[in-house]
């Protein structure tokens, strides 16, 4: 079964967690949709400016690497895709973001999605 993840806050900068997540999910066998308005590709994959711009179809997992103020703004776009689960990684998991995500009916998980894959962000150094 192919699983699809959207990494919101993906980055071409290999030091950033949004980049490490792209690499980790790819290594775990996911089809990865990097979402960032500031790059046209991340790790050789096409990047999408918003989750709404990602290919149509079901998204199994969304993993968020955004400051809380920006995260709050993109929650409606995430909810519109009806993902299976939404991970709010450390730094993106402010109480107000989690509360609003739940209010929108999202399946919220606060934690590191890379660790959930059985990996460590440290494995994905530069």
PDB file of N, CA and C in Angstrom:
ATOM      1  N   UNK A   1       0.839  -1.184   0.000  1.00  0.00           N
ATOM      2  CA  UNK A   1       0.000   0.000   0.000  1.00  0.00           C
ATOM      3  C   UNK A   1       0.887   1.252   0.000  1.00  0.00           C
ATOM      4  N   UNK A   2       0.603   2.151  -0.903  1.00  0.00           N
ATOM      5  CA  UNK A   2       1.343   3.416  -0.950  1.00  0.00           C
ATOM      6  C   UNK A   2       0.715   4.373   0.045  1.00  0.00           C
ATOM      7  N   UNK A   3       1.555   4.934   0.900  1.00  0.00           N
ATOM      8  CA  UNK A   3       1.081   5.941   1.857  1.00  0.00           C
ATOM      9  C   UNK A   3       1.608   7.287   1.419  1.00  0.00           C
ATOM     10  N   UNK A   4       0.779   8.308   1.576  1.00  0.00           N
ATOM     11  CA  UNK A   4       1.128   9.657   1.122  1.00  0.00           C
ATOM     12  C   UNK A   4       1.203  10.589   2.318  1.00  0.00           C
ATOM     13  N   UNK A   5       2.280  11.384   2.346  1.00  0.00           N
ATOM     14  CA  UNK A   5       2.467  12.373   3.400  1.00  0.00           C
ATOM     15  C   UNK A   5       2.709  13.738   2.762  1.00  0.00           C
ATOM     16  N   UNK A   6       2.107  14.757   3.345  1.00  0.00           N
ATOM     17  CA  UNK A   6       2.414  16.142   2.988  1.00  0.00           C
ATOM     18  C   UNK A   6       3.248  16.717   4.130  1.00  0.00           C
ATOM     19  N   UNK A   7       4.430  17.221   3.797  1.00  0.00           N
ATOM     20  CA  UNK A   7       5.314  17.830   4.796  1.00  0.00           C
ATOM     21  C   UNK A   7       5.174  19.338   4.652  1.00  0.00           C
ATOM     22  N   UNK A   8       4.437  19.946   5.572  1.00  0.00           N
ATOM     23  CA  UNK A   8       4.175  21.378   5.503  1.00  0.00           C
ATOM     24  C   UNK A   8       5.260  22.108   6.290  1.00  0.00           C
ATOM     25  N   UNK A   9       5.984  22.949   5.578  1.00  0.00           N
ATOM     26  CA  UNK A   9       7.160  23.586   6.152  1.00  0.00           C
ATOM     27  C   UNK A   9       8.414  22.881   5.674  1.00  0.00           C
ATOM     28  N   UNK A  10       8.277  22.124   4.577  1.00  0.00           N
ATOM     29  CA  UNK A  10       9.437  21.462   3.974  1.00  0.00           C
ATOM     30  C   UNK A  10      10.452  22.529   3.566  1.00  0.00           C
ATOM     31  N   UNK A  11      11.716  22.142   3.541  1.00  0.00           N
ATOM     32  CA  UNK A  11      12.771  23.101   3.230  1.00  0.00           C
ATOM     33  C   UNK A  11      13.870  22.435   2.414  1.00  0.00           C
ATOM     34  N   UNK A  12      14.463  23.177   1.476  1.00  0.00           N
ATOM     35  CA  UNK A  12      15.621  22.636   0.777  1.00  0.00           C
ATOM     36  C   UNK A  12      16.885  22.628   1.655  1.00  0.00           C
ATOM     37  N   UNK A  13      16.837  23.299   2.798  1.00  0.00           N
ATOM     38  CA  UNK A  13      17.970  23.367   3.723  1.00  0.00           C
ATOM     39  C   UNK A  13      18.042  22.060   4.513  1.00  0.00           C
ATOM     40  N   UNK A  14      19.060  21.257   4.245  1.00  0.00           N
ATOM     41  CA  UNK A  14      19.179  19.936   4.851  1.00  0.00           C
ATOM     42  C   UNK A  14      19.362  19.973   6.374  1.00  0.00           C
ATOM     43  N   UNK A  15      19.643  21.120   6.953  1.00  0.00           N
ATOM     44  CA  UNK A  15      19.774  21.227   8.411  1.00  0.00           C
ATOM     45  C   UNK A  15      18.415  21.364   9.091  1.00  0.00           C
ATOM     46  N   UNK A  16      17.389  21.709   8.349  1.00  0.00           N
ATOM     47  CA  UNK A  16      16.070  21.974   8.942  1.00  0.00           C
ATOM     48  C   UNK A  16      15.249  20.695   9.064  1.00  0.00           C
ATOM     49  N   UNK A  17      14.436  20.651  10.111  1.00  0.00           N
ATOM     50  CA  UNK A  17      13.620  19.462  10.358  1.00  0.00           C
ATOM     51  C   UNK A  17      12.610  19.229   9.238  1.00  0.00           C
ATOM     52  N   UNK A  18      12.141  20.280   8.593  1.00  0.00           N
ATOM     53  CA  UNK A  18      11.219  20.115   7.473  1.00  0.00           C
ATOM     54  C   UNK A  18      11.869  19.401   6.300  1.00  0.00           C
ATOM     55  N   UNK A  19      13.181  19.459   6.200  1.00  0.00           N
ATOM     56  CA  UNK A  19      13.913  18.710   5.175  1.00  0.00           C
ATOM     57  C   UNK A  19      14.161  17.276   5.661  1.00  0.00           C
ATOM     58  N   UNK A  20      14.566  17.140   6.902  1.00  0.00           N
ATOM     59  CA  UNK A  20      14.833  15.811   7.458  1.00  0.00           C
ATOM     60  C   UNK A  20      13.576  14.945   7.399  1.00  0.00           C
ATOM     61  N   UNK A  21      12.419  15.568   7.589  1.00  0.00           N
ATOM     62  CA  UNK A  21      11.153  14.837   7.524  1.00  0.00           C
ATOM     63  C   UNK A  21      10.880  14.327   6.109  1.00  0.00           C
ATOM     64  N   UNK A  22      11.174  15.139   5.108  1.00  0.00           N
ATOM     65  CA  UNK A  22      11.009  14.697   3.721  1.00  0.00           C
ATOM     66  C   UNK A  22      11.865  13.450   3.502  1.00  0.00           C
ATOM     67  N   UNK A  23      13.113  13.504   3.924  1.00  0.00           N
ATOM     68  CA  UNK A  23      14.021  12.377   3.714  1.00  0.00           C
ATOM     69  C   UNK A  23      13.598  11.148   4.519  1.00  0.00           C
ATOM     70  N   UNK A  24      13.177  11.360   5.760  1.00  0.00           N
ATOM     71  CA  UNK A  24      12.776  10.232   6.620  1.00  0.00           C
ATOM     72  C   UNK A  24      11.530   9.539   6.068  1.00  0.00           C
ATOM     73  N   UNK A  25      10.532  10.316   5.685  1.00  0.00           N
ATOM     74  CA  UNK A  25       9.306   9.714   5.169  1.00  0.00           C
ATOM     75  C   UNK A  25       9.569   8.983   3.848  1.00  0.00           C
ATOM     76  N   UNK A  26      10.417   9.551   3.032  1.00  0.00           N
ATOM     77  CA  UNK A  26      10.772   8.880   1.780  1.00  0.00           C
ATOM     78  C   UNK A  26      11.480   7.552   2.077  1.00  0.00           C
ATOM     79  N   UNK A  27      12.411   7.576   3.040  1.00  0.00           N
ATOM     80  CA  UNK A  27      13.129   6.355   3.422  1.00  0.00           C
ATOM     81  C   UNK A  27      12.178   5.296   3.989  1.00  0.00           C
ATOM     82  N   UNK A  28      11.073   5.754   4.594  1.00  0.00           N
ATOM     83  CA  UNK A  28      10.085   4.831   5.171  1.00  0.00           C
ATOM     84  C   UNK A  28       9.080   4.343   4.122  1.00  0.00           C
ATOM     85  N   UNK A  29       9.242   4.792   2.873  1.00  0.00           N
ATOM     86  CA  UNK A  29       8.389   4.297   1.805  1.00  0.00           C
ATOM     87  C   UNK A  29       7.189   5.144   1.467  1.00  0.00           C
ATOM     88  N   UNK A  30       7.072   6.309   2.071  1.00  0.00           N
ATOM     89  CA  UNK A  30       5.963   7.208   1.760  1.00  0.00           C
ATOM     90  C   UNK A  30       6.180   7.902   0.418  1.00  0.00           C
ATOM     91  N   UNK A  31       5.106   8.215  -0.262  1.00  0.00           N
ATOM     92  CA  UNK A  31       5.124   9.198  -1.340  1.00  0.00           C
ATOM     93  C   UNK A  31       5.049  10.542  -0.627  1.00  0.00           C
ATOM     94  N   UNK A  32       5.991  11.438  -0.915  1.00  0.00           N
ATOM     95  CA  UNK A  32       6.113  12.685  -0.157  1.00  0.00           C
ATOM     96  C   UNK A  32       5.751  13.888  -1.017  1.00  0.00           C
ATOM     97  N   UNK A  33       4.883  14.736  -0.476  1.00  0.00           N
ATOM     98  CA  UNK A  33       4.545  16.019  -1.085  1.00  0.00           C
ATOM     99  C   UNK A  33       5.141  17.120  -0.205  1.00  0.00           C
ATOM    100  N   UNK A  34       6.307  17.666  -0.565  1.00  0.00           N
ATOM    101  CA  UNK A  34       6.834  18.802   0.198  1.00  0.00           C
ATOM    102  C   UNK A  34       5.958  20.038  -0.055  1.00  0.00           C
ATOM    103  N   UNK A  35       5.593  20.726   1.005  1.00  0.00           N
ATOM    104  CA  UNK A  35       4.766  21.928   0.888  1.00  0.00           C
ATOM    105  C   UNK A  35       5.546  23.109   1.444  1.00  0.00           C
ATOM    106  N   UNK A  36       5.854  24.055   0.558  1.00  0.00           N
ATOM    107  CA  UNK A  36       6.552  25.283   0.935  1.00  0.00           C
ATOM    108  C   UNK A  36       6.358  26.303  -0.184  1.00  0.00           C
ATOM    109  N   UNK A  37       6.071  27.542   0.171  1.00  0.00           N
ATOM    110  CA  UNK A  37       5.925  28.560  -0.872  1.00  0.00           C
ATOM    111  C   UNK A  37       7.258  29.125  -1.347  1.00  0.00           C
ATOM    112  N   UNK A  38       8.370  28.675  -0.747  1.00  0.00           N
ATOM    113  CA  UNK A  38       9.659  29.313  -1.031  1.00  0.00           C
ATOM    114  C   UNK A  38      10.608  28.488  -1.889  1.00  0.00           C
ATOM    115  N   UNK A  39      10.169  27.319  -2.366  1.00  0.00           N
ATOM    116  CA  UNK A  39      11.048  26.481  -3.189  1.00  0.00           C
ATOM    117  C   UNK A  39      10.228  25.768  -4.254  1.00  0.00           C
ATOM    118  N   UNK A  40      10.857  25.453  -5.374  1.00  0.00           N
ATOM    119  CA  UNK A  40      10.150  24.698  -6.411  1.00  0.00           C
ATOM    120  C   UNK A  40      10.408  23.202  -6.294  1.00  0.00           C
ATOM    121  N   UNK A  41      11.474  22.838  -5.546  1.00  0.00           N
ATOM    122  CA  UNK A  41      11.690  21.428  -5.260  1.00  0.00           C
ATOM    123  C   UNK A  41      12.446  21.276  -3.948  1.00  0.00           C
ATOM    124  N   UNK A  42      12.244  20.129  -3.334  1.00  0.00           N
ATOM    125  CA  UNK A  42      12.924  19.775  -2.088  1.00  0.00           C
ATOM    126  C   UNK A  42      13.397  18.338  -2.244  1.00  0.00           C
ATOM    127  N   UNK A  43      14.688  18.128  -2.111  1.00  0.00           N
ATOM    128  CA  UNK A  43      15.281  16.794  -2.232  1.00  0.00           C
ATOM    129  C   UNK A  43      14.893  16.125  -3.551  1.00  0.00           C
ATOM    130  N   UNK A  44      14.840  16.909  -4.614  1.00  0.00           N
ATOM    131  CA  UNK A  44      14.530  16.375  -5.932  1.00  0.00           C
ATOM    132  C   UNK A  44      13.054  16.136  -6.194  1.00  0.00           C
ATOM    133  N   UNK A  45      12.216  16.426  -5.215  1.00  0.00           N
ATOM    134  CA  UNK A  45      10.769  16.264  -5.378  1.00  0.00           C
ATOM    135  C   UNK A  45      10.133  17.616  -5.685  1.00  0.00           C
ATOM    136  N   UNK A  46       9.088  17.647  -6.513  1.00  0.00           N
ATOM    137  CA  UNK A  46       8.408  18.923  -6.747  1.00  0.00           C
ATOM    138  C   UNK A  46       7.784  19.418  -5.449  1.00  0.00           C
ATOM    139  N   UNK A  47       7.936  20.710  -5.175  1.00  0.00           N
ATOM    140  CA  UNK A  47       7.341  21.316  -3.980  1.00  0.00           C
ATOM    141  C   UNK A  47       6.075  22.063  -4.385  1.00  0.00           C
ATOM    142  N   UNK A  48       5.135  22.118  -3.473  1.00  0.00           N
ATOM    143  CA  UNK A  48       3.848  22.765  -3.711  1.00  0.00           C
ATOM    144  C   UNK A  48       3.724  23.961  -2.769  1.00  0.00           C
ATOM    145  N   UNK A  49       3.229  25.095  -3.280  1.00  0.00           N
ATOM    146  CA  UNK A  49       3.139  26.288  -2.424  1.00  0.00           C
ATOM    147  C   UNK A  49       2.186  26.126  -1.239  1.00  0.00           C
ATOM    148  N   UNK A  50       1.106  25.353  -1.436  1.00  0.00           N
ATOM    149  CA  UNK A  50       0.146  25.093  -0.358  1.00  0.00           C
ATOM    150  C   UNK A  50      -0.286  23.633  -0.450  1.00  0.00           C
ATOM    151  N   UNK A  51      -0.900  23.126   0.593  1.00  0.00           N
ATOM    152  CA  UNK A  51      -1.402  21.755   0.559  1.00  0.00           C
ATOM    153  C   UNK A  51      -2.524  21.623  -0.467  1.00  0.00           C
ATOM    154  N   UNK A  52      -3.241  22.709  -0.712  1.00  0.00           N
ATOM    155  CA  UNK A  52      -4.298  22.687  -1.731  1.00  0.00           C
ATOM    156  C   UNK A  52      -3.715  22.444  -3.123  1.00  0.00           C
ATOM    157  N   UNK A  53      -2.460  22.834  -3.340  1.00  0.00           N
ATOM    158  CA  UNK A  53      -1.806  22.656  -4.636  1.00  0.00           C
ATOM    159  C   UNK A  53      -1.227  21.254  -4.831  1.00  0.00           C
ATOM    160  N   UNK A  54      -1.136  20.471  -3.769  1.00  0.00           N
ATOM    161  CA  UNK A  54      -0.608  19.104  -3.868  1.00  0.00           C
ATOM    162  C   UNK A  54      -1.569  18.264  -4.704  1.00  0.00           C
ATOM    163  N   UNK A  55      -1.071  17.178  -5.304  1.00  0.00           N
ATOM    164  CA  UNK A  55      -1.937  16.354  -6.155  1.00  0.00           C
ATOM    165  C   UNK A  55      -3.224  15.921  -5.450  1.00  0.00           C
ATOM    166  N   UNK A  56      -4.274  15.820  -6.255  1.00  0.00           N
ATOM    167  CA  UNK A  56      -5.583  15.418  -5.730  1.00  0.00           C
ATOM    168  C   UNK A  56      -5.501  14.011  -5.168  1.00  0.00           C
ATOM    169  N   UNK A  57      -6.416  13.703  -4.299  1.00  0.00           N
ATOM    170  CA  UNK A  57      -6.484  12.370  -3.709  1.00  0.00           C
ATOM    171  C   UNK A  57      -6.248  12.417  -2.216  1.00  0.00           C
ATOM    172  N   UNK A  58      -6.380  11.251  -1.606  1.00  0.00           N
ATOM    173  CA  UNK A  58      -6.259  11.142  -0.153  1.00  0.00           C
ATOM    174  C   UNK A  58      -4.813  11.341   0.300  1.00  0.00           C
ATOM    175  N   UNK A  59      -4.667  12.043   1.400  1.00  0.00           N
ATOM    176  CA  UNK A  59      -3.368  12.195   2.058  1.00  0.00           C
ATOM    177  C   UNK A  59      -3.478  11.479   3.398  1.00  0.00           C
ATOM    178  N   UNK A  60      -2.612  10.481   3.587  1.00  0.00           N
ATOM    179  CA  UNK A  60      -2.672   9.690   4.818  1.00  0.00           C
ATOM    180  C   UNK A  60      -2.188  10.463   6.033  1.00  0.00           C
ATOM    181  N   UNK A  61      -1.131  11.248   5.824  1.00  0.00           N
ATOM    182  CA  UNK A  61      -0.490  11.940   6.938  1.00  0.00           C
ATOM    183  C   UNK A  61      -0.069  13.329   6.494  1.00  0.00           C
ATOM    184  N   UNK A  62      -0.300  14.286   7.380  1.00  0.00           N
ATOM    185  CA  UNK A  62       0.270  15.627   7.218  1.00  0.00           C
ATOM    186  C   UNK A  62       1.178  15.822   8.410  1.00  0.00           C
ATOM    187  N   UNK A  63       2.374  16.331   8.164  1.00  0.00           N
ATOM    188  CA  UNK A  63       3.289  16.625   9.265  1.00  0.00           C
ATOM    189  C   UNK A  63       3.687  18.089   9.147  1.00  0.00           C
ATOM    190  N   UNK A  64       3.506  18.820  10.241  1.00  0.00           N
ATOM    191  CA  UNK A  64       3.607  20.281  10.227  1.00  0.00           C
ATOM    192  C   UNK A  64       4.878  20.749  10.937  1.00  0.00           C
ATOM    193  N   UNK A  65       5.631  21.593  10.219  1.00  0.00           N
ATOM    194  CA  UNK A  65       6.842  22.235  10.737  1.00  0.00           C
ATOM    195  C   UNK A  65       6.707  23.734  10.503  1.00  0.00           C
ATOM    196  N   UNK A  66       5.800  24.363  11.198  1.00  0.00           N
ATOM    197  CA  UNK A  66       5.553  25.796  11.028  1.00  0.00           C
ATOM    198  C   UNK A  66       5.462  26.469  12.390  1.00  0.00           C
ATOM    199  N   UNK A  67       5.855  27.745  12.462  1.00  0.00           N
ATOM    200  CA  UNK A  67       5.598  28.488  13.697  1.00  0.00           C
ATOM    201  C   UNK A  67       4.086  28.528  13.946  1.00  0.00           C
ATOM    202  N   UNK A  68       3.666  28.516  15.210  1.00  0.00           N
ATOM    203  CA  UNK A  68       2.235  28.460  15.519  1.00  0.00           C
ATOM    204  C   UNK A  68       1.373  29.513  14.813  1.00  0.00           C
ATOM    205  N   UNK A  69       1.835  30.740  14.693  1.00  0.00           N
ATOM    206  CA  UNK A  69       1.014  31.783  14.057  1.00  0.00           C
ATOM    207  C   UNK A  69       0.710  31.432  12.601  1.00  0.00           C
ATOM    208  N   UNK A  70       1.685  30.847  11.913  1.00  0.00           N
ATOM    209  CA  UNK A  70       1.465  30.442  10.522  1.00  0.00           C
ATOM    210  C   UNK A  70       0.663  29.150  10.481  1.00  0.00           C
ATOM    211  N   UNK A  71       0.949  28.251  11.396  1.00  0.00           N
ATOM    212  CA  UNK A  71       0.200  26.999  11.474  1.00  0.00           C
ATOM    213  C   UNK A  71      -1.290  27.229  11.615  1.00  0.00           C
ATOM    214  N   UNK A  72      -1.666  28.185  12.456  1.00  0.00           N
ATOM    215  CA  UNK A  72      -3.094  28.509  12.617  1.00  0.00           C
ATOM    216  C   UNK A  72      -3.721  28.923  11.295  1.00  0.00           C
ATOM    217  N   UNK A  73      -2.986  29.672  10.497  1.00  0.00           N
ATOM    218  CA  UNK A  73      -3.520  30.172   9.226  1.00  0.00           C
ATOM    219  C   UNK A  73      -3.735  29.073   8.197  1.00  0.00           C
ATOM    220  N   UNK A  74      -2.926  28.013   8.237  1.00  0.00           N
ATOM    221  CA  UNK A  74      -3.051  26.959   7.229  1.00  0.00           C
ATOM    222  C   UNK A  74      -3.968  25.814   7.668  1.00  0.00           C
ATOM    223  N   UNK A  75      -4.429  25.824   8.908  1.00  0.00           N
ATOM    224  CA  UNK A  75      -5.287  24.735   9.374  1.00  0.00           C
ATOM    225  C   UNK A  75      -6.531  24.518   8.503  1.00  0.00           C
ATOM    226  N   UNK A  76      -7.230  25.582   8.056  1.00  0.00           N
ATOM    227  CA  UNK A  76      -8.394  25.328   7.196  1.00  0.00           C
ATOM    228  C   UNK A  76      -8.029  24.611   5.892  1.00  0.00           C
ATOM    229  N   UNK A  77      -6.877  24.944   5.308  1.00  0.00           N
ATOM    230  CA  UNK A  77      -6.440  24.255   4.085  1.00  0.00           C
ATOM    231  C   UNK A  77      -6.143  22.787   4.364  1.00  0.00           C
ATOM    232  N   UNK A  78      -5.537  22.513   5.511  1.00  0.00           N
ATOM    233  CA  UNK A  78      -5.261  21.123   5.884  1.00  0.00           C
ATOM    234  C   UNK A  78      -6.581  20.373   6.054  1.00  0.00           C
ATOM    235  N   UNK A  79      -7.506  20.968   6.797  1.00  0.00           N
ATOM    236  CA  UNK A  79      -8.797  20.324   7.058  1.00  0.00           C
ATOM    237  C   UNK A  79      -9.549  20.033   5.762  1.00  0.00           C
ATOM    238  N   UNK A  80      -9.408  20.897   4.771  1.00  0.00           N
ATOM    239  CA  UNK A  80     -10.110  20.719   3.494  1.00  0.00           C
ATOM    240  C   UNK A  80      -9.627  19.487   2.732  1.00  0.00           C
ATOM    241  N   UNK A  81      -8.448  18.971   3.064  1.00  0.00           N
ATOM    242  CA  UNK A  81      -7.915  17.761   2.401  1.00  0.00           C
ATOM    243  C   UNK A  81      -8.312  16.478   3.142  1.00  0.00           C
ATOM    244  N   UNK A  82      -8.932  16.583   4.309  1.00  0.00           N
ATOM    245  CA  UNK A  82      -9.385  15.434   5.094  1.00  0.00           C
ATOM    246  C   UNK A  82      -8.292  14.370   5.279  1.00  0.00           C
ATOM    247  N   UNK A  83      -7.113  14.774   5.787  1.00  0.00           N
ATOM    248  CA  UNK A  83      -6.033  13.789   5.954  1.00  0.00           C
ATOM    249  C   UNK A  83      -6.361  12.787   7.052  1.00  0.00           C
ATOM    250  N   UNK A  84      -5.699  11.630   6.968  1.00  0.00           N
ATOM    251  CA  UNK A  84      -5.894  10.598   7.982  1.00  0.00           C
ATOM    252  C   UNK A  84      -5.433  11.042   9.363  1.00  0.00           C
ATOM    253  N   UNK A  85      -4.274  11.711   9.421  1.00  0.00           N
ATOM    254  CA  UNK A  85      -3.735  12.192  10.693  1.00  0.00           C
ATOM    255  C   UNK A  85      -2.864  13.407  10.434  1.00  0.00           C
ATOM    256  N   UNK A  86      -2.785  14.262  11.465  1.00  0.00           N
ATOM    257  CA  UNK A  86      -1.956  15.460  11.344  1.00  0.00           C
ATOM    258  C   UNK A  86      -1.011  15.504  12.535  1.00  0.00           C
ATOM    259  N   UNK A  87       0.286  15.479  12.225  1.00  0.00           N
ATOM    260  CA  UNK A  87       1.325  15.545  13.244  1.00  0.00           C
ATOM    261  C   UNK A  87       1.777  16.994  13.398  1.00  0.00           C
ATOM    262  N   UNK A  88       1.794  17.451  14.639  1.00  0.00           N
ATOM    263  CA  UNK A  88       2.326  18.776  14.957  1.00  0.00           C
ATOM    264  C   UNK A  88       3.622  18.536  15.713  1.00  0.00           C
ATOM    265  N   UNK A  89       4.723  18.777  15.028  1.00  0.00           N
ATOM    266  CA  UNK A  89       6.045  18.506  15.558  1.00  0.00           C
ATOM    267  C   UNK A  89       6.426  19.544  16.605  1.00  0.00           C
ATOM    268  N   UNK A  90       7.430  19.238  17.443  1.00  0.00           N
ATOM    269  CA  UNK A  90       7.854  20.204  18.455  1.00  0.00           C
ATOM    270  C   UNK A  90       8.123  21.579  17.840  1.00  0.00           C
ATOM    271  N   UNK A  91       7.532  22.592  18.455  1.00  0.00           N
ATOM    272  CA  UNK A  91       7.646  23.953  17.945  1.00  0.00           C
ATOM    273  C   UNK A  91       6.423  24.367  17.142  1.00  0.00           C
ATOM    274  N   UNK A  92       5.718  23.388  16.577  1.00  0.00           N
ATOM    275  CA  UNK A  92       4.493  23.662  15.810  1.00  0.00           C
ATOM    276  C   UNK A  92       3.260  23.295  16.637  1.00  0.00           C
ATOM    277  N   UNK A  93       3.483  22.738  17.824  1.00  0.00           N
ATOM    278  CA  UNK A  93       2.423  22.119  18.621  1.00  0.00           C
ATOM    279  C   UNK A  93       1.886  23.005  19.752  1.00  0.00           C
ATOM    280  N   UNK A  94       1.766  24.303  19.497  1.00  0.00           N
ATOM    281  CA  UNK A  94       1.250  25.218  20.520  1.00  0.00           C
ATOM    282  C   UNK A  94      -0.196  24.843  20.873  1.00  0.00           C
ATOM    283  N   UNK A  95      -0.583  25.020  22.126  1.00  0.00           N
ATOM    284  CA  UNK A  95      -1.934  24.632  22.553  1.00  0.00           C
ATOM    285  C   UNK A  95      -3.044  25.219  21.675  1.00  0.00           C
ATOM    286  N   UNK A  96      -2.893  26.473  21.268  1.00  0.00           N
ATOM    287  CA  UNK A  96      -3.959  27.090  20.462  1.00  0.00           C
ATOM    288  C   UNK A  96      -4.070  26.442  19.077  1.00  0.00           C
ATOM    289  N   UNK A  97      -2.953  25.966  18.555  1.00  0.00           N
ATOM    290  CA  UNK A  97      -2.970  25.278  17.258  1.00  0.00           C
ATOM    291  C   UNK A  97      -3.661  23.923  17.403  1.00  0.00           C
ATOM    292  N   UNK A  98      -3.299  23.182  18.428  1.00  0.00           N
ATOM    293  CA  UNK A  98      -3.903  21.865  18.645  1.00  0.00           C
ATOM    294  C   UNK A  98      -5.406  21.988  18.901  1.00  0.00           C
ATOM    295  N   UNK A  99      -5.807  22.979  19.688  1.00  0.00           N
ATOM    296  CA  UNK A  99      -7.228  23.191  19.980  1.00  0.00           C
ATOM    297  C   UNK A  99      -8.006  23.494  18.707  1.00  0.00           C
ATOM    298  N   UNK A 100      -7.480  24.383  17.881  1.00  0.00           N
ATOM    299  CA  UNK A 100      -8.169  24.744  16.642  1.00  0.00           C
ATOM    300  C   UNK A 100      -8.196  23.571  15.674  1.00  0.00           C
ATOM    301  N   UNK A 101      -7.113  22.817  15.597  1.00  0.00           N
ATOM    302  CA  UNK A 101      -7.075  21.641  14.713  1.00  0.00           C
ATOM    303  C   UNK A 101      -8.144  20.634  15.123  1.00  0.00           C
ATOM    304  N   UNK A 102      -8.277  20.408  16.406  1.00  0.00           N
ATOM    305  CA  UNK A 102      -9.319  19.481  16.890  1.00  0.00           C
ATOM    306  C   UNK A 102     -10.705  20.028  16.591  1.00  0.00           C
ATOM    307  N   UNK A 103     -10.883  21.339  16.758  1.00  0.00           N
ATOM    308  CA  UNK A 103     -12.181  21.952  16.478  1.00  0.00           C
ATOM    309  C   UNK A 103     -12.573  21.749  15.013  1.00  0.00           C
ATOM    310  N   UNK A 104     -11.570  21.735  14.136  1.00  0.00           N
ATOM    311  CA  UNK A 104     -11.820  21.525  12.712  1.00  0.00           C
ATOM    312  C   UNK A 104     -12.012  20.051  12.356  1.00  0.00           C
ATOM    313  N   UNK A 105     -11.925  19.188  13.363  1.00  0.00           N
ATOM    314  CA  UNK A 105     -12.182  17.767  13.146  1.00  0.00           C
ATOM    315  C   UNK A 105     -10.975  16.955  12.713  1.00  0.00           C
ATOM    316  N   UNK A 106      -9.787  17.522  12.849  1.00  0.00           N
ATOM    317  CA  UNK A 106      -8.580  16.803  12.439  1.00  0.00           C
ATOM    318  C   UNK A 106      -8.157  15.784  13.496  1.00  0.00           C
ATOM    319  N   UNK A 107      -7.550  14.695  13.046  1.00  0.00           N
ATOM    320  CA  UNK A 107      -6.981  13.700  13.947  1.00  0.00           C
ATOM    321  C   UNK A 107      -5.582  14.197  14.323  1.00  0.00           C
ATOM    322  N   UNK A 108      -5.477  14.775  15.500  1.00  0.00           N
ATOM    323  CA  UNK A 108      -4.287  15.514  15.935  1.00  0.00           C
ATOM    324  C   UNK A 108      -3.335  14.628  16.731  1.00  0.00           C
ATOM    325  N   UNK A 109      -2.060  14.697  16.366  1.00  0.00           N
ATOM    326  CA  UNK A 109      -1.015  14.028  17.125  1.00  0.00           C
ATOM    327  C   UNK A 109       0.092  15.048  17.365  1.00  0.00           C
ATOM    328  N   UNK A 110       0.416  15.282  18.629  1.00  0.00           N
ATOM    329  CA  UNK A 110       1.523  16.179  18.971  1.00  0.00           C
ATOM    330  C   UNK A 110       2.738  15.315  19.253  1.00  0.00           C
ATOM    331  N   UNK A 111       3.760  15.448  18.414  1.00  0.00           N
ATOM    332  CA  UNK A 111       4.970  14.660  18.590  1.00  0.00           C
ATOM    333  C   UNK A 111       5.815  14.722  17.339  1.00  0.00           C
ATOM    334  N   UNK A 112       6.929  14.064  17.377  1.00  0.00           N
ATOM    335  CA  UNK A 112       7.856  14.070  16.248  1.00  0.00           C
ATOM    336  C   UNK A 112       7.494  12.943  15.282  1.00  0.00           C
ATOM    337  N   UNK A 113       7.095  13.309  14.084  1.00  0.00           N
ATOM    338  CA  UNK A 113       6.695  12.296  13.104  1.00  0.00           C
ATOM    339  C   UNK A 113       7.879  11.469  12.624  1.00  0.00           C
ATOM    340  N   UNK A 114       9.082  11.996  12.718  1.00  0.00           N
ATOM    341  CA  UNK A 114      10.272  11.224  12.334  1.00  0.00           C
ATOM    342  C   UNK A 114      10.503  10.094  13.346  1.00  0.00           C
ATOM    343  N   UNK A 115      10.385  10.412  14.617  1.00  0.00           N
ATOM    344  CA  UNK A 115      10.535   9.401  15.668  1.00  0.00           C
ATOM    345  C   UNK A 115       9.445   8.337  15.509  1.00  0.00           C
ATOM    346  N   UNK A 116       8.237   8.751  15.130  1.00  0.00           N
ATOM    347  CA  UNK A 116       7.153   7.794  14.924  1.00  0.00           C
ATOM    348  C   UNK A 116       7.506   6.762  13.849  1.00  0.00           C
ATOM    349  N   UNK A 117       8.351   7.132  12.910  1.00  0.00           N
ATOM    350  CA  UNK A 117       8.776   6.208  11.861  1.00  0.00           C
ATOM    351  C   UNK A 117       9.827   5.220  12.345  1.00  0.00           C
ATOM    352  N   UNK A 118      10.254   5.384  13.607  1.00  0.00           N
ATOM    353  CA  UNK A 118      11.291   4.520  14.150  1.00  0.00           C
ATOM    354  C   UNK A 118      12.686   5.023  13.828  1.00  0.00           C
ATOM    355  N   UNK A 119      12.774   6.311  13.505  1.00  0.00           N
ATOM    356  CA  UNK A 119      14.050   6.923  13.150  1.00  0.00           C
ATOM    357  C   UNK A 119      14.331   8.091  14.081  1.00  0.00           C
ATOM    358  N   UNK A 120      15.529   8.639  13.944  1.00  0.00           N
ATOM    359  CA  UNK A 120      15.903   9.819  14.710  1.00  0.00           C
ATOM    360  C   UNK A 120      16.266  10.937  13.739  1.00  0.00           C
ATOM    361  N   UNK A 121      15.850  12.172  14.028  1.00  0.00           N
ATOM    362  CA  UNK A 121      16.267  13.279  13.161  1.00  0.00           C
ATOM    363  C   UNK A 121      17.794  13.341  12.999  1.00  0.00           C
ATOM    364  N   UNK A 122      18.528  12.862  14.012  1.00  0.00           N
ATOM    365  CA  UNK A 122      19.990  12.890  13.949  1.00  0.00           C
ATOM    366  C   UNK A 122      20.537  12.016  12.814  1.00  0.00           C
ATOM    367  N   UNK A 123      19.759  11.027  12.383  1.00  0.00           N
ATOM    368  CA  UNK A 123      20.178  10.177  11.259  1.00  0.00           C
ATOM    369  C   UNK A 123      20.281  10.973   9.957  1.00  0.00           C
ATOM    370  N   UNK A 124      19.593  12.090   9.923  1.00  0.00           N
ATOM    371  CA  UNK A 124      19.480  12.863   8.697  1.00  0.00           C
ATOM    372  C   UNK A 124      20.258  14.174   8.816  1.00  0.00           C
ATOM    373  N   UNK A 125      21.531  14.056   9.199  1.00  0.00           N
ATOM    374  CA  UNK A 125      22.398  15.231   9.254  1.00  0.00           C
ATOM    375  C   UNK A 125      22.512  15.819   7.861  1.00  0.00           C
ATOM    376  N   UNK A 126      23.274  16.855   7.731  1.00  0.00           N
ATOM    377  CA  UNK A 126      23.412  17.505   6.430  1.00  0.00           C
ATOM    378  C   UNK A 126      23.909  16.503   5.462  1.00  0.00           C
TER     379      UNK A 126
END
